[in-house]
Amino acid sequence: MEDEIKTWLEDIKQAISEINDFLPDQKDFFQFKKDLKTKRAIEGNV
C-alpha cells in the first residue's frame, strides 16, 4: 500500500508541475476564466 501512496503523490506532484507550466507567470483569475484552452488543460490535469 505504501508504494501506491508514493505513486499517487508522484502523480500529484507531476500534475501540479504541469499546471504551473500551463499558467502564465502573471496569474490573473479573470483572464484564466476567459481562456478556455488553458482551463481545459488544467481541469483535465486535476
Protein backbone atom coordinates (compact mmCIF):
# COMPACT_ATOMS: atom_id res chain seq x y z
CA MET A 1 0.00 0.00 0.00
CA GLU A 2 2.83 2.40 0.80
CA ASP A 3 4.16 2.07 -2.77
CA GLU A 4 0.73 3.02 -4.11
CA ILE A 5 0.69 6.15 -1.96
CA LYS A 6 4.15 7.13 -3.20
CA THR A 7 2.98 6.64 -6.79
CA TRP A 8 -0.11 8.77 -6.20
CA LEU A 9 1.98 11.51 -4.60
CA GLU A 10 4.38 11.50 -7.56
CA ASP A 11 1.39 11.78 -9.92
CA ILE A 12 0.05 14.72 -7.93
CA LYS A 13 3.47 16.39 -7.95
CA GLN A 14 3.70 15.94 -11.73
CA ALA A 15 0.18 17.33 -12.27
CA ILE A 16 0.99 20.41 -10.17
CA SER A 17 4.14 20.99 -12.18
CA GLU A 18 2.25 20.71 -15.47
CA ILE A 19 -0.50 23.04 -14.27
CA ASN A 20 2.11 25.63 -13.29
CA ASP A 21 3.64 25.29 -16.78
CA PHE A 22 0.23 25.94 -18.38
CA LEU A 23 -0.28 29.17 -16.45
CA PRO A 24 1.45 32.43 -17.31
CA ASP A 25 3.87 33.98 -14.83
CA GLN A 26 1.34 36.71 -14.02
CA LYS A 27 -1.68 34.76 -12.78
CA ASP A 28 -4.99 36.60 -13.18
CA PHE A 29 -8.12 34.63 -12.32
CA PHE A 30 -10.37 36.71 -14.57
CA GLN A 31 -8.12 36.16 -17.59
CA PHE A 32 -7.92 32.48 -16.70
CA LYS A 33 -11.71 32.22 -16.69
CA LYS A 34 -11.79 33.63 -20.25
CA ASP A 35 -9.07 31.28 -21.56
CA LEU A 36 -10.98 28.10 -22.43
CA LYS A 37 -7.92 26.22 -23.71
CA THR A 38 -5.94 26.75 -20.51
CA LYS A 39 -8.98 25.97 -18.36
CA ARG A 40 -9.49 22.64 -20.16
CA ALA A 41 -5.80 21.75 -19.88
CA ILE A 42 -5.81 22.40 -16.15
CA GLU A 43 -9.18 20.80 -15.49
CA GLY A 44 -8.03 17.68 -17.31
CA ASN A 45 -4.98 17.52 -15.11
CA VAL A 46 -6.83 17.69 -11.79
